[in-house]
Protein backbone atom coordinates (compact mmCIF):
# COMPACT_ATOMS: atom_id res chain seq x y z
CA MET A 1 105.47 111.16 112.52
CA VAL A 2 107.89 111.25 109.82
CA PRO A 3 108.97 107.89 108.47
CA VAL A 4 112.62 106.65 109.55
CA SER A 5 113.45 105.49 105.77
CA PHE A 6 115.11 105.80 103.01
CA ALA A 7 113.72 105.95 99.27
CA PHE A 8 115.42 103.95 96.34
CA PRO A 9 114.21 102.44 93.27
CA PHE A 10 113.97 99.08 92.63
CA CYS A 11 112.47 97.45 89.47
CA GLY A 12 110.77 100.55 88.49
CA GLU A 13 109.04 100.75 92.00
CA GLU A 14 109.76 103.03 94.57
CA PHE A 15 110.66 101.45 97.72
CA ARG A 16 111.50 102.69 101.36
CA LEU A 17 113.92 100.76 103.46
CA THR A 18 113.37 101.63 107.24
CA LYS A 19 115.87 101.75 110.23
CA SER A 20 113.54 99.37 111.82
CA ARG A 21 114.57 96.49 108.75
CA ALA A 22 111.37 96.83 107.21
CA LEU A 23 110.61 97.47 103.39
CA PHE A 24 107.92 99.40 102.54
CA TRP A 25 105.88 99.82 99.02
CA PRO A 26 104.16 102.86 98.44
CA ARG A 27 102.09 102.17 95.65
CA GLU A 28 101.03 98.89 97.29
CA ASN A 29 101.14 100.15 100.90
CA ALA A 30 102.76 97.72 102.16
CA LEU A 31 105.23 96.83 104.61
CA LEU A 32 106.99 93.69 104.02
CA VAL A 33 109.11 92.26 107.02
CA ALA A 34 111.56 88.94 106.94
CA ASP A 35 112.60 86.51 109.71
CA LEU A 36 110.51 87.39 112.59
CA HIS A 37 111.35 84.10 114.19
CA LEU A 38 108.51 84.93 117.15
CA GLU A 39 108.74 82.75 120.18
CA LYS A 40 112.29 81.68 119.29
CA ALA A 41 113.34 82.22 123.27
CA SER A 42 110.60 80.10 124.15
CA PHE A 43 111.76 76.96 121.69
CA PHE A 44 114.80 77.22 123.34
CA ALA A 45 113.46 77.46 126.72
CA ARG A 46 111.48 73.89 125.90
CA HIS A 47 114.96 72.77 124.88
CA ASN A 48 117.04 73.84 128.21
CA GLN A 49 118.30 76.20 126.96
CA PHE A 50 116.74 79.29 128.54
CA LEU A 51 116.96 83.04 127.01
CA PRO A 52 114.70 85.79 128.50
CA PRO A 53 111.24 85.50 127.06
CA TYR A 54 110.65 88.97 125.64
CA ASP A 55 111.43 88.41 122.05
CA THR A 56 108.03 88.21 120.88
CA ARG A 57 107.06 91.59 122.24
CA GLU A 58 109.60 93.57 120.93
CA THR A 59 109.57 92.22 117.82
CA LEU A 60 105.55 92.61 117.78
CA GLU A 61 105.96 96.08 119.23
CA ARG A 62 108.56 97.08 116.05
CA VAL A 63 106.26 95.93 114.01
CA ALA A 64 103.04 98.06 115.36
CA GLU A 65 105.65 101.29 115.43
CA THR A 66 106.80 100.49 112.01
CA ILE A 67 103.29 100.47 110.64
CA ARG A 68 102.17 103.65 112.23
CA GLU A 69 105.12 105.49 110.53
CA THR A 70 104.48 104.36 107.27
CA GLY A 71 100.98 104.34 107.91
CA ALA A 72 100.76 100.69 105.84
CA ARG A 73 97.38 99.26 105.31
CA ARG A 74 98.89 95.57 104.47
CA VAL A 75 101.79 93.69 105.87
CA TYR A 76 103.82 90.68 103.87
CA THR A 77 105.57 88.68 106.40
CA LEU A 78 108.32 86.50 104.37
CA GLY A 79 108.84 83.45 106.31
CA ASP A 80 109.93 81.97 109.46
CA ASN A 81 107.71 84.12 111.45
CA PHE A 82 108.05 81.63 114.09
CA HIS A 83 110.61 79.99 115.14
CA ASP A 84 108.89 76.48 115.01
CA SER A 85 105.37 75.35 113.37
CA GLN A 86 104.00 75.37 117.03
CA GLY A 87 105.27 78.84 117.89
CA SER A 88 101.68 80.15 117.99
CA GLN A 89 100.59 78.03 120.55
CA THR A 90 103.36 78.90 122.67
CA LEU A 91 102.18 82.52 122.76
CA GLY A 92 101.46 84.63 126.14
CA GLU A 93 98.14 85.94 126.50
CA HIS A 94 99.95 89.45 126.19
CA GLU A 95 101.92 88.43 123.06
CA SER A 96 98.76 86.77 121.64
CA GLY A 97 96.58 89.88 122.55
CA MET A 98 99.00 92.11 120.49
CA LEU A 99 99.56 90.11 117.10
CA ALA A 100 95.47 89.89 117.31
CA ALA A 101 94.88 93.43 117.32
CA LEU A 102 98.01 93.71 114.51
CA THR A 103 95.94 91.43 112.26
CA ARG A 104 92.65 92.82 112.73
CA ALA A 105 94.51 96.53 111.81
CA VAL A 106 95.65 95.46 108.61
CA ASP A 107 95.55 93.11 105.83
CA TRP A 108 97.99 90.84 107.16
CA VAL A 109 99.73 87.75 105.07
CA TRP A 110 102.30 85.01 106.37
CA LEU A 111 104.21 83.37 103.85
CA THR A 112 105.89 80.40 105.32
CA GLY A 113 109.20 79.88 105.74
CA ASN A 114 111.62 77.01 106.56
CA HIS A 115 111.34 77.42 110.17
CA ASP A 116 107.40 77.04 109.97
CA PRO A 117 105.99 75.23 107.19
CA ALA A 118 102.93 74.05 108.85
CA MET A 119 102.27 76.88 110.94
CA GLU A 120 98.55 77.91 111.79
CA ALA A 121 97.09 81.54 111.55
CA ARG A 122 95.58 81.62 115.61
CA SER A 123 96.11 84.95 115.81
CA GLY A 124 94.38 85.84 112.60
CA GLY A 125 95.53 86.93 108.77
CA THR A 126 95.96 84.76 105.97
CA ILE A 127 98.65 82.10 104.85
CA VAL A 128 100.14 81.13 101.39
CA ASP A 129 103.50 79.93 100.67
CA GLU A 130 104.32 82.33 98.01
CA LEU A 131 102.84 85.37 95.99
CA GLU A 132 102.90 87.73 93.03
CA ILE A 133 102.01 91.11 93.32
CA ALA A 134 102.47 93.23 90.48
CA GLY A 135 104.82 90.94 88.75
CA MET A 136 107.17 90.97 92.06
CA VAL A 137 107.47 87.41 93.74
CA LEU A 138 107.31 87.48 97.18
CA ARG A 139 108.77 84.17 98.81
CA HIS A 140 110.74 82.74 101.86
CA ARG A 141 114.20 82.01 100.10
CA ALA A 142 115.54 83.12 96.93
CA MET A 143 115.28 81.16 93.89
CA ARG A 144 118.63 80.51 92.23
CA GLY A 145 117.37 81.27 88.75
CA GLU A 146 114.83 83.33 89.33
CA THR A 147 114.54 85.98 86.14
CA ARG A 148 111.30 88.06 87.53
CA PRO A 149 111.67 90.55 90.45
CA GLU A 150 111.80 89.32 93.58
CA LEU A 151 111.49 90.22 97.35
CA SER A 152 112.73 87.39 100.54
CA GLY A 153 114.28 86.89 103.30
CA HIS A 154 115.98 83.30 105.00
CA TYR A 155 119.67 84.31 105.04
CA HIS A 156 119.61 87.42 107.74
CA PRO A 157 122.35 89.17 106.20
CA ARG A 158 124.91 91.48 107.61
CA VAL A 159 127.25 93.58 106.56
CA GLN A 160 130.50 93.80 107.71
CA VAL A 161 132.77 96.80 106.71
CA LYS A 162 135.53 99.06 108.18
CA ILE A 163 135.23 102.73 108.13
CA HIS A 164 137.43 105.38 109.68
CA HIS A 165 139.04 102.87 111.55
CA ARG A 166 135.63 101.50 112.91
CA ARG A 167 134.46 98.44 112.26
CA ILE A 168 130.42 98.50 110.94
CA ASN A 169 128.77 95.11 111.66
CA ARG A 170 124.66 95.67 110.47
CA PRO A 171 121.72 94.24 109.27
CA CYS A 172 120.95 95.23 105.34
CA ALA A 173 119.50 94.21 102.62
CA VAL A 174 120.95 92.35 99.76
CA VAL A 175 120.36 93.98 96.17
CA ALA A 176 121.19 91.82 92.73
CA HIS A 177 120.91 93.98 89.21
CA SER A 178 120.14 91.99 86.37
CA GLY A 179 121.49 95.21 84.05
CA ASN A 180 117.64 95.38 83.28
CA ALA A 181 116.46 98.42 85.33
CA THR A 182 113.15 96.50 85.23
CA CYS A 183 114.08 93.20 86.81
CA GLY A 184 116.26 92.58 90.19
CA ARG A 185 116.05 90.69 93.50
CA MET A 186 116.63 91.61 96.84
CA ILE A 187 117.03 89.92 100.09
CA LEU A 188 115.72 91.77 103.39
CA PRO A 189 117.56 91.97 106.59
CA ALA A 190 115.82 90.10 109.14
CA PHE A 191 113.72 91.93 111.52
CA GLY A 192 112.85 89.85 114.65
CA ALA A 193 114.60 90.89 117.92
CA LEU A 194 116.09 87.52 118.46
CA THR A 195 118.07 86.84 115.24
CA GLY A 196 121.36 86.43 114.43
CA GLY A 197 122.73 87.06 110.70
CA MET A 198 124.95 86.00 107.52
CA ASP A 199 127.70 87.95 105.91
CA ALA A 200 125.77 89.60 103.08
CA GLY A 201 129.11 88.51 101.03
CA ASP A 202 128.62 84.59 102.35
CA PRO A 203 128.79 82.65 99.21
CA ALA A 204 125.81 80.76 99.72
CA ILE A 205 123.78 84.42 99.73
CA LEU A 206 125.68 85.43 96.22
CA LYS A 207 124.58 81.72 94.09
CA ALA A 208 121.11 81.86 95.43
CA LEU A 209 121.21 85.59 93.81
CA GLN A 210 122.46 84.51 90.12
CA PRO A 211 122.27 85.05 87.39
CA ALA A 212 123.31 88.94 88.06
CA ALA A 213 125.33 91.80 86.88
CA ALA A 214 125.80 93.51 90.13
CA ILE A 215 125.10 92.38 94.05
CA ASP A 216 125.07 95.33 96.92
CA ALA A 217 124.33 95.50 100.16
CA VAL A 218 122.27 98.43 101.19
CA VAL A 219 122.22 99.91 104.80
CA PRO A 220 120.66 102.78 106.11
CA ALA A 221 123.75 105.27 107.46
CA GLY A 222 122.51 108.10 109.16
CA ARG A 223 120.90 110.36 106.55
CA LYS A 224 121.26 107.94 103.88
CA LEU A 225 121.33 104.71 102.27
CA ALA A 226 124.88 103.33 102.27
CA ARG A 227 125.57 100.78 99.27
CA PHE A 228 129.06 98.39 99.32
CA PRO A 229 129.58 96.31 96.56
CA LEU A 230 129.49 92.52 97.29
CA TRP A 231 129.87 91.09 93.72
CA ARG A 232 130.25 92.24 89.84
CA GLU A 233 129.70 90.40 87.01
CA ARG A 234 133.35 89.69 84.88
CA GLY A 235 133.62 91.32 81.42
């Protein structure tokens, strides 16, 4: 199967942004997904807000499909894997089996986030707070002032634009350029089936990616990647 993804350069590496909202790193044969928020519906149910309880299954099915499409042998999750640290204890039998099968099939690494700082890897995988691979820092939340290449999640960015009288609101990646081809920072879109979003141009996102020379929203559109300028350094 040909991956539904779009290649683009970032920090001297080639990455592929998939239509499923994941990032594939060919050289590392690694798939990165942010903000799965597994068991979000069950979390709300425990607080008497009842939502259809199928979000975890849908999210895991999309992860499995993206692994098959890309052929990834490693998966890095960039935090907020479960909607709370106890999420792995509320998995249904079917969902628990799905997750265990995924973590056996690939080298699976969980990075913790603000929603699940004390999560347990009950279904396999390794847990870390953050990681550096080939000079690329992987963490949940972008660290303002970071000068190394960085991949993160947390903000659930969405691009909101009007094209040909149509208003488009889609999950996107946000890419900060430093002016140096070997350095940049990227916030991934939320991967989870039951996740909201923040305007990619929100001041909180732009501040988190400083210092930068330029910041763009990047989103698959048709047969190409579309870029929308969000911020430019005054000069």
